[in-house]
């Protein structure tokens, strides 16, 4: 297992660390936000930038900042995360993930060498504390939750059978999509074109589950990339029996090994999007999920595995891979290994999706 400090190697990990720091240092948050806006302006982009600070606050110092001064301010922080809202920091890192365009201004700022090095030092200092949290834990197979989104853009109900057929359809569709992209799409990675950017068996209706936390419910309610702004959901408890075969994605090396063992070339369909997000022109690979299912019932991505891995161009035999479209603590179920474990519960959120509560709860979060 790689050190937890490796989360600073990933763009989502750096965003997570910065979110923790911003909660304790508004001046630092303001400086990063201003640098992020400048980075976006220099490229003519309009991305999500850091938004936790009121720039009209007269107490905010607006003197010029440099990567060196930002890095030093990060190094001056202590590593006490007692009382820190880890779920909120993780949600910030997840919701700002984008694999179909260039990195936004804040991700660009946090990737600057001096700043990234300072964040790595902060991550090393946090390692003992993070090691004692659920962020590092493997799949909790007996206590999982499936989330079905309701309201606008509803998603499908839970289906716990037919995995084989779904994966066959996914494989044939992926192969056909590669042929079509090869014949019809531009070959230059910089062409203004977009296609499939995820590396998961998405759109298959295979069950995706996460754990639940005592006070906030299933973590998938808040930890989802490319959200469509859902504020209503149905969460169904499910479990898997003993003896299931689980592949754990706890670090980048685990993802690399999975891709190399079950390599499926997807260069034609990912060429443009993954070049924009990584800046690398390469042959691209993902796992052949139909082949993975012959050996594993589920593949689980730990929260720290997500932070260290997602969004990076990682070298594999013959090219590179990107972990994209897979949220923290999510498990994809590749076989019919799940059974129901209780009645579904309806959940509702605040308009920004930051707070969720079960329908039967009498006390709303804002009261």
Protein backbone atom coordinates (compact mmCIF):
# COMPACT_ATOMS: atom_id res chain seq x y z
CA UNK A 1 0.00 0.00 0.00
CA UNK A 2 1.33 3.42 -0.94
CA UNK A 3 1.71 6.12 1.73
CA UNK A 4 -1.36 8.25 2.22
CA UNK A 5 0.79 11.27 1.44
CA UNK A 6 0.48 10.19 -2.21
CA UNK A 7 -2.95 11.84 -2.29
CA UNK A 8 -1.06 15.08 -2.97
CA UNK A 9 0.09 13.56 -6.27
CA UNK A 10 -3.48 13.62 -7.58
CA UNK A 11 -5.49 16.69 -8.63
CA UNK A 12 -8.46 15.56 -6.56
CA UNK A 13 -6.19 14.92 -3.58
CA UNK A 14 -4.71 18.40 -3.80
CA UNK A 15 -8.21 19.86 -3.97
CA UNK A 16 -9.18 17.88 -0.86
CA UNK A 17 -6.14 19.11 1.07
CA UNK A 18 -6.77 22.69 0.01
CA UNK A 19 -10.37 22.46 1.16
CA UNK A 20 -9.21 21.33 4.61
CA UNK A 21 -6.75 24.23 4.75
CA UNK A 22 -9.34 26.76 3.58
CA UNK A 23 -11.61 25.93 6.49
CA UNK A 24 -8.95 27.20 8.91
CA UNK A 25 -7.32 30.00 6.90
CA UNK A 26 -9.57 32.37 4.97
CA UNK A 27 -6.62 34.45 3.82
CA UNK A 28 -5.04 31.43 2.17
CA UNK A 29 -8.37 30.56 0.54
CA UNK A 30 -8.65 34.11 -0.80
CA UNK A 31 -5.15 34.03 -2.25
CA UNK A 32 -5.75 30.72 -3.99
CA UNK A 33 -9.07 31.96 -5.36
CA UNK A 34 -7.46 35.08 -6.84
CA UNK A 35 -4.71 33.02 -8.42
CA UNK A 36 -7.31 30.59 -9.80
CA UNK A 37 -9.30 33.41 -11.39
CA UNK A 38 -6.12 34.74 -12.96
CA UNK A 39 -5.25 31.28 -14.30
CA UNK A 40 -8.69 30.93 -15.84
CA UNK A 41 -8.55 34.44 -17.31
CA UNK A 42 -5.21 33.77 -18.95
CA UNK A 43 -6.72 30.89 -20.92
CA UNK A 44 -10.10 32.49 -21.55
CA UNK A 45 -11.78 29.75 -19.53
CA UNK A 46 -14.78 29.94 -17.25
CA UNK A 47 -14.43 27.15 -14.70
CA UNK A 48 -15.49 26.49 -11.16
CA UNK A 49 -13.13 28.35 -8.84
CA UNK A 50 -12.72 28.40 -5.10
CA UNK A 51 -15.84 30.00 -3.62
CA UNK A 52 -15.67 29.76 0.14
CA UNK A 53 -14.44 33.30 0.75
CA UNK A 54 -16.25 36.62 0.55
CA UNK A 55 -13.82 38.78 -1.44
CA UNK A 56 -15.65 41.92 -0.28
CA UNK A 57 -14.52 41.26 3.31
CA UNK A 58 -12.36 44.27 4.31
CA UNK A 59 -10.26 41.97 6.47
CA UNK A 60 -8.91 40.10 3.44
CA UNK A 61 -5.37 41.11 2.45
CA UNK A 62 -5.22 41.72 -1.29
CA UNK A 63 -1.49 42.27 -1.61
CA UNK A 64 0.23 40.37 -4.49
CA UNK A 65 0.89 36.70 -3.94
CA UNK A 66 3.36 34.30 -5.52
CA UNK A 67 3.59 30.50 -5.64
CA UNK A 68 6.41 30.77 -3.10
CA UNK A 69 4.34 32.82 -0.67
CA UNK A 70 1.33 30.52 -1.07
CA UNK A 71 3.52 27.48 -0.48
CA UNK A 72 4.97 29.01 2.66
CA UNK A 73 1.51 29.80 4.00
CA UNK A 74 0.57 26.14 3.49
CA UNK A 75 3.74 24.99 5.27
CA UNK A 76 2.88 27.23 8.23
CA UNK A 77 -0.36 25.30 8.88
CA UNK A 78 -0.56 22.65 11.57
CA UNK A 79 -1.80 19.15 10.80
CA UNK A 80 -4.58 18.96 13.37
CA UNK A 81 -7.78 17.79 11.66
CA UNK A 82 -9.75 17.40 14.88
CA UNK A 83 -13.23 18.62 14.06
CA UNK A 84 -12.46 18.96 10.35
CA UNK A 85 -15.33 18.13 8.02
CA UNK A 86 -13.65 15.42 5.96
CA UNK A 87 -16.85 14.63 4.06
CA UNK A 88 -17.27 18.27 3.00
CA UNK A 89 -13.64 18.45 1.83
CA UNK A 90 -14.08 15.21 -0.08
CA UNK A 91 -17.30 16.50 -1.64
CA UNK A 92 -15.49 19.64 -2.81
CA UNK A 93 -12.78 17.54 -4.45
CA UNK A 94 -15.34 15.27 -6.10
CA UNK A 95 -17.82 17.80 -7.43
CA UNK A 96 -15.07 19.83 -9.13
CA UNK A 97 -13.70 16.85 -11.10
CA UNK A 98 -13.99 17.41 -14.85
CA UNK A 99 -12.60 15.02 -17.47
CA UNK A 100 -13.93 16.65 -20.61
CA UNK A 101 -12.03 19.96 -20.42
CA UNK A 102 -8.80 21.48 -19.19
CA UNK A 103 -8.14 21.69 -15.45
CA UNK A 104 -9.89 24.63 -13.82
CA UNK A 105 -7.96 27.55 -12.35
CA UNK A 106 -7.67 26.19 -8.85
CA UNK A 107 -6.39 22.80 -9.99
CA UNK A 108 -3.80 24.60 -12.12
CA UNK A 109 -2.67 26.69 -9.15
CA UNK A 110 -2.45 23.72 -6.79
CA UNK A 111 -0.37 21.79 -9.35
CA UNK A 112 2.40 24.43 -9.42
CA UNK A 113 5.57 22.73 -8.13
CA UNK A 114 6.12 24.86 -5.01
CA UNK A 115 2.49 24.62 -3.97
CA UNK A 116 2.16 20.91 -4.77
CA UNK A 117 5.29 20.23 -2.71
CA UNK A 118 3.86 22.15 0.24
CA UNK A 119 0.59 20.22 -0.02
CA UNK A 120 2.57 16.96 -0.06
CA UNK A 121 4.20 18.00 3.20
CA UNK A 122 0.78 18.75 4.68
CA UNK A 123 -0.45 15.33 3.50
CA UNK A 124 2.52 13.58 5.14
CA UNK A 125 1.74 15.33 8.40
CA UNK A 126 -1.93 14.29 8.12
CA UNK A 127 -1.14 10.63 7.44
CA UNK A 128 -1.44 9.32 11.02
CA UNK A 129 -4.80 11.05 11.50
CA UNK A 130 -6.22 10.05 8.11
CA UNK A 131 -5.16 6.44 8.67
CA UNK A 132 -7.69 6.23 11.48
CA UNK A 133 -10.67 7.36 9.37
CA UNK A 134 -13.13 5.62 7.05
CA UNK A 135 -11.40 7.22 4.07
CA UNK A 136 -8.85 4.38 4.00
CA UNK A 137 -11.24 1.52 4.70
CA UNK A 138 -11.94 -1.29 2.21
CA UNK A 139 -15.42 -2.33 1.12
CA UNK A 140 -17.84 -2.90 3.98
CA UNK A 141 -19.68 -5.68 2.13
CA UNK A 142 -22.42 -6.41 4.71
CA UNK A 143 -23.51 -2.75 4.94
CA UNK A 144 -23.83 -1.08 1.55
CA UNK A 145 -26.36 1.35 0.09
CA UNK A 146 -27.62 1.79 -3.45
CA UNK A 147 -28.78 5.30 -4.38
CA UNK A 148 -31.46 5.91 -6.99
CA UNK A 149 -31.77 9.57 -7.99
CA UNK A 150 -35.30 10.99 -8.15
CA UNK A 151 -36.85 14.23 -9.41
CA UNK A 152 -35.28 15.75 -12.49
CA UNK A 153 -33.01 13.35 -14.38
CA UNK A 154 -34.13 10.22 -12.49
CA UNK A 155 -31.99 7.10 -12.65
CA UNK A 156 -32.96 3.46 -12.83
CA UNK A 157 -34.21 1.33 -9.97
CA UNK A 158 -31.94 -1.18 -8.31
CA UNK A 159 -31.41 -4.29 -10.44
CA UNK A 160 -29.54 -7.14 -8.76
CA UNK A 161 -29.62 -9.62 -11.64
CA UNK A 162 -28.52 -9.79 -15.25
CA UNK A 163 -24.93 -8.63 -14.72
CA UNK A 164 -23.56 -10.99 -17.37
CA UNK A 165 -25.83 -9.63 -20.08
CA UNK A 166 -25.16 -6.02 -19.08
CA UNK A 167 -21.41 -6.52 -19.30
CA UNK A 168 -21.67 -8.27 -22.66
CA UNK A 169 -23.67 -5.33 -23.97
CA UNK A 170 -21.13 -2.90 -22.48
CA UNK A 171 -18.21 -4.70 -24.16
CA UNK A 172 -19.85 -4.90 -27.56
CA UNK A 173 -20.93 -1.26 -27.34
CA UNK A 174 -17.44 -0.14 -26.32
CA UNK A 175 -15.78 -2.02 -29.16
CA UNK A 176 -18.34 -0.68 -31.66
CA UNK A 177 -17.81 2.83 -30.31
CA UNK A 178 -14.06 2.52 -30.85
CA UNK A 179 -14.58 1.48 -34.47
CA UNK A 180 -17.00 4.33 -35.07
CA UNK A 181 -14.68 6.91 -33.48
CA UNK A 182 -11.76 5.60 -35.53
CA UNK A 183 -13.71 5.99 -38.76
CA UNK A 184 -15.51 9.27 -38.07
CA UNK A 185 -13.71 11.35 -35.43
CA UNK A 186 -10.71 13.64 -35.96
CA UNK A 187 -7.31 12.11 -35.16
CA UNK A 188 -5.76 15.24 -33.68
CA UNK A 189 -6.17 15.21 -29.86
CA UNK A 190 -6.56 18.99 -29.86
CA UNK A 191 -9.55 18.94 -32.18
CA UNK A 192 -12.71 20.49 -30.67
CA UNK A 193 -14.37 17.14 -30.10
CA UNK A 194 -15.73 15.25 -27.14
CA UNK A 195 -16.72 11.65 -26.63
CA UNK A 196 -16.81 9.14 -23.80
CA UNK A 197 -14.60 10.26 -20.92
CA UNK A 198 -15.35 7.73 -18.17
CA UNK A 199 -13.33 4.59 -17.44
CA UNK A 200 -16.06 2.71 -15.59
CA UNK A 201 -18.76 0.35 -16.90
CA UNK A 202 -21.08 3.37 -16.88
CA UNK A 203 -24.64 3.42 -18.24
CA UNK A 204 -25.00 -0.33 -17.76
CA UNK A 205 -27.37 -0.28 -14.74
CA UNK A 206 -24.89 -2.40 -12.80
CA UNK A 207 -25.33 -1.65 -9.08
CA UNK A 208 -23.07 1.03 -7.61
CA UNK A 209 -22.96 1.15 -3.81
CA UNK A 210 -21.22 2.99 -0.96
CA UNK A 211 -21.15 2.87 2.80
CA UNK A 212 -23.28 5.15 4.99
CA UNK A 213 -22.08 7.42 7.79
CA UNK A 214 -24.07 7.70 11.04
CA UNK A 215 -25.01 11.37 10.77
CA UNK A 216 -25.08 11.99 7.03
CA UNK A 217 -26.30 8.79 5.40
CA UNK A 218 -24.96 7.08 2.27
CA UNK A 219 -21.83 8.92 1.19
CA UNK A 220 -22.79 8.69 -2.49
CA UNK A 221 -25.43 11.32 -1.82
CA UNK A 222 -22.63 13.88 -1.60
CA UNK A 223 -19.69 12.21 -3.34
CA UNK A 224 -20.57 12.02 -7.01
CA UNK A 225 -18.73 13.37 -10.02
CA UNK A 226 -20.61 15.20 -12.77
CA UNK A 227 -23.72 15.62 -10.63
CA UNK A 228 -26.92 16.78 -12.29
CA UNK A 229 -27.98 18.70 -9.20
CA UNK A 230 -30.11 16.00 -7.61
CA UNK A 231 -31.91 16.91 -4.39
CA UNK A 232 -34.09 13.79 -4.02
CA UNK A 233 -32.98 10.19 -3.78
CA UNK A 234 -34.00 6.74 -2.63
CA UNK A 235 -31.35 4.83 -0.65
CA UNK A 236 -31.72 1.06 -0.44
CA UNK A 237 -29.64 -1.03 2.01
CA UNK A 238 -28.01 -4.05 0.37
CA UNK A 239 -25.39 -6.59 1.38
CA UNK A 240 -23.17 -9.25 -0.10
CA UNK A 241 -22.56 -12.63 1.41
CA UNK A 242 -19.31 -14.10 2.63
CA UNK A 243 -16.74 -15.25 0.16
CA UNK A 244 -17.23 -12.51 -2.41
CA UNK A 245 -14.20 -11.58 -4.47
CA UNK A 246 -13.39 -7.86 -4.18
CA UNK A 247 -10.63 -5.97 -5.95
CA UNK A 248 -9.56 -2.97 -3.88
CA UNK A 249 -8.45 0.24 -5.56
CA UNK A 250 -6.55 1.78 -2.65
CA UNK A 251 -3.77 3.51 -4.62
CA UNK A 252 -2.73 4.33 -8.20
CA UNK A 253 -0.67 1.13 -8.48
CA UNK A 254 -3.80 -0.96 -7.91
CA UNK A 255 -5.57 0.77 -10.80
CA UNK A 256 -2.51 0.33 -13.05
CA UNK A 257 -2.37 -3.40 -12.25
CA UNK A 258 -6.08 -3.83 -13.00
CA UNK A 259 -5.80 -2.04 -16.34
CA UNK A 260 -2.70 -3.99 -17.38
CA UNK A 261 -4.22 -7.34 -16.41
CA UNK A 262 -7.46 -6.73 -18.34
CA UNK A 263 -6.35 -4.11 -20.88
CA UNK A 264 -8.88 -2.75 -23.35
CA UNK A 265 -7.74 -0.07 -25.81
CA UNK A 266 -10.05 2.96 -25.97
CA UNK A 267 -7.79 5.51 -27.64
CA UNK A 268 -10.23 6.58 -30.34
CA UNK A 269 -13.09 7.42 -27.97
CA UNK A 270 -11.00 9.01 -25.18
CA UNK A 271 -8.30 10.74 -27.26
CA UNK A 272 -9.72 14.26 -27.14
CA UNK A 273 -11.13 14.48 -23.62
CA UNK A 274 -8.21 12.83 -21.86
CA UNK A 275 -5.71 14.93 -23.77
CA UNK A 276 -7.50 18.07 -22.58
CA UNK A 277 -7.55 16.99 -18.94
CA UNK A 278 -3.99 15.56 -18.80
CA UNK A 279 -2.11 17.30 -21.61
CA UNK A 280 -0.79 13.91 -22.80
CA UNK A 281 -1.14 12.40 -26.26
CA UNK A 282 -1.07 8.64 -25.85
CA UNK A 283 -2.64 5.30 -26.46
CA UNK A 284 -5.36 4.98 -23.80
CA UNK A 285 -6.55 1.89 -21.93
CA UNK A 286 -9.23 0.93 -19.39
CA UNK A 287 -10.12 -2.45 -17.87
CA UNK A 288 -12.19 -4.86 -19.91
CA UNK A 289 -14.93 -5.05 -17.31
CA UNK A 290 -16.48 -8.17 -18.80
CA UNK A 291 -13.15 -9.95 -18.28
CA UNK A 292 -12.74 -8.52 -14.78
CA UNK A 293 -16.10 -10.05 -13.81
CA UNK A 294 -14.70 -13.54 -14.41
CA UNK A 295 -12.37 -13.05 -11.43
CA UNK A 296 -14.08 -10.49 -9.17
CA UNK A 297 -17.60 -9.82 -7.95
CA UNK A 298 -16.94 -6.17 -7.14
CA UNK A 299 -14.29 -3.49 -7.55
CA UNK A 300 -14.14 -0.93 -4.74
CA UNK A 301 -12.45 2.47 -4.83
CA UNK A 302 -11.48 3.72 -1.37
CA UNK A 303 -11.74 7.45 -0.70
CA UNK A 304 -7.98 7.86 -0.41
CA UNK A 305 -7.52 5.68 -3.49
CA UNK A 306 -9.77 8.12 -5.33
CA UNK A 307 -7.85 11.17 -4.13
CA UNK A 308 -4.50 9.75 -5.20
CA UNK A 309 -5.62 8.25 -8.51
CA UNK A 310 -8.52 10.07 -10.21
CA UNK A 311 -7.74 12.41 -13.08
CA UNK A 312 -4.08 11.43 -13.54
CA UNK A 313 -2.47 10.08 -16.70
CA UNK A 314 -0.89 6.92 -15.31
CA UNK A 315 1.53 4.83 -17.40
CA UNK A 316 0.54 1.29 -18.37
CA UNK A 317 1.92 -1.17 -20.90
CA UNK A 318 1.53 0.41 -24.31
CA UNK A 319 0.31 3.82 -23.17
CA UNK A 320 -1.62 5.44 -20.32
CA UNK A 321 -4.87 5.22 -18.39
CA UNK A 322 -7.11 7.64 -16.49
CA UNK A 323 -9.46 6.81 -13.63
CA UNK A 324 -12.51 8.94 -14.45
CA UNK A 325 -16.17 8.98 -13.51
CA UNK A 326 -15.76 6.90 -10.34
CA UNK A 327 -16.62 8.49 -6.98
CA UNK A 328 -14.97 7.94 -3.60
CA UNK A 329 -15.94 4.70 -1.80
CA UNK A 330 -18.01 3.48 -4.75
CA UNK A 331 -18.13 -0.23 -5.50
CA UNK A 332 -19.18 -1.49 -8.92
CA UNK A 333 -20.87 -4.90 -8.72
CA UNK A 334 -19.94 -7.03 -11.71
CA UNK A 335 -21.85 -10.18 -10.72
CA UNK A 336 -25.24 -10.89 -9.15
CA UNK A 337 -23.79 -10.96 -5.62
CA UNK A 338 -26.08 -8.47 -3.83
CA UNK A 339 -29.28 -9.06 -1.87
CA UNK A 340 -31.70 -6.63 -0.25
CA UNK A 341 -31.02 -5.81 3.39
CA UNK A 342 -33.96 -3.59 4.36
CA UNK A 343 -36.50 -1.07 3.13
CA UNK A 344 -35.44 1.88 0.95
CA UNK A 345 -35.54 5.34 2.55
CA UNK A 346 -36.24 8.59 0.74
CA UNK A 347 -33.65 11.35 1.24
CA UNK A 348 -33.88 15.08 0.49
CA UNK A 349 -31.16 17.71 0.14
CA UNK A 350 -30.66 21.42 0.48
CA UNK A 351 -30.68 23.23 -2.86
CA UNK A 352 -26.90 23.04 -3.18
CA UNK A 353 -26.86 19.34 -2.31
CA UNK A 354 -24.51 19.92 0.64
CA UNK A 355 -26.88 18.58 3.33
CA UNK A 356 -29.12 15.51 3.13
CA UNK A 357 -31.70 14.17 5.54
CA UNK A 358 -34.14 11.22 5.53
CA UNK A 359 -37.76 12.04 4.84
CA UNK A 360 -38.94 10.86 8.24
CA UNK A 361 -36.50 13.12 10.09
CA UNK A 362 -38.39 15.72 12.11
CA UNK A 363 -35.53 18.20 12.51
CA UNK A 364 -34.24 19.75 9.32
CA UNK A 365 -30.51 20.58 9.12
CA UNK A 366 -31.05 24.35 9.08
CA UNK A 367 -33.22 24.51 12.22
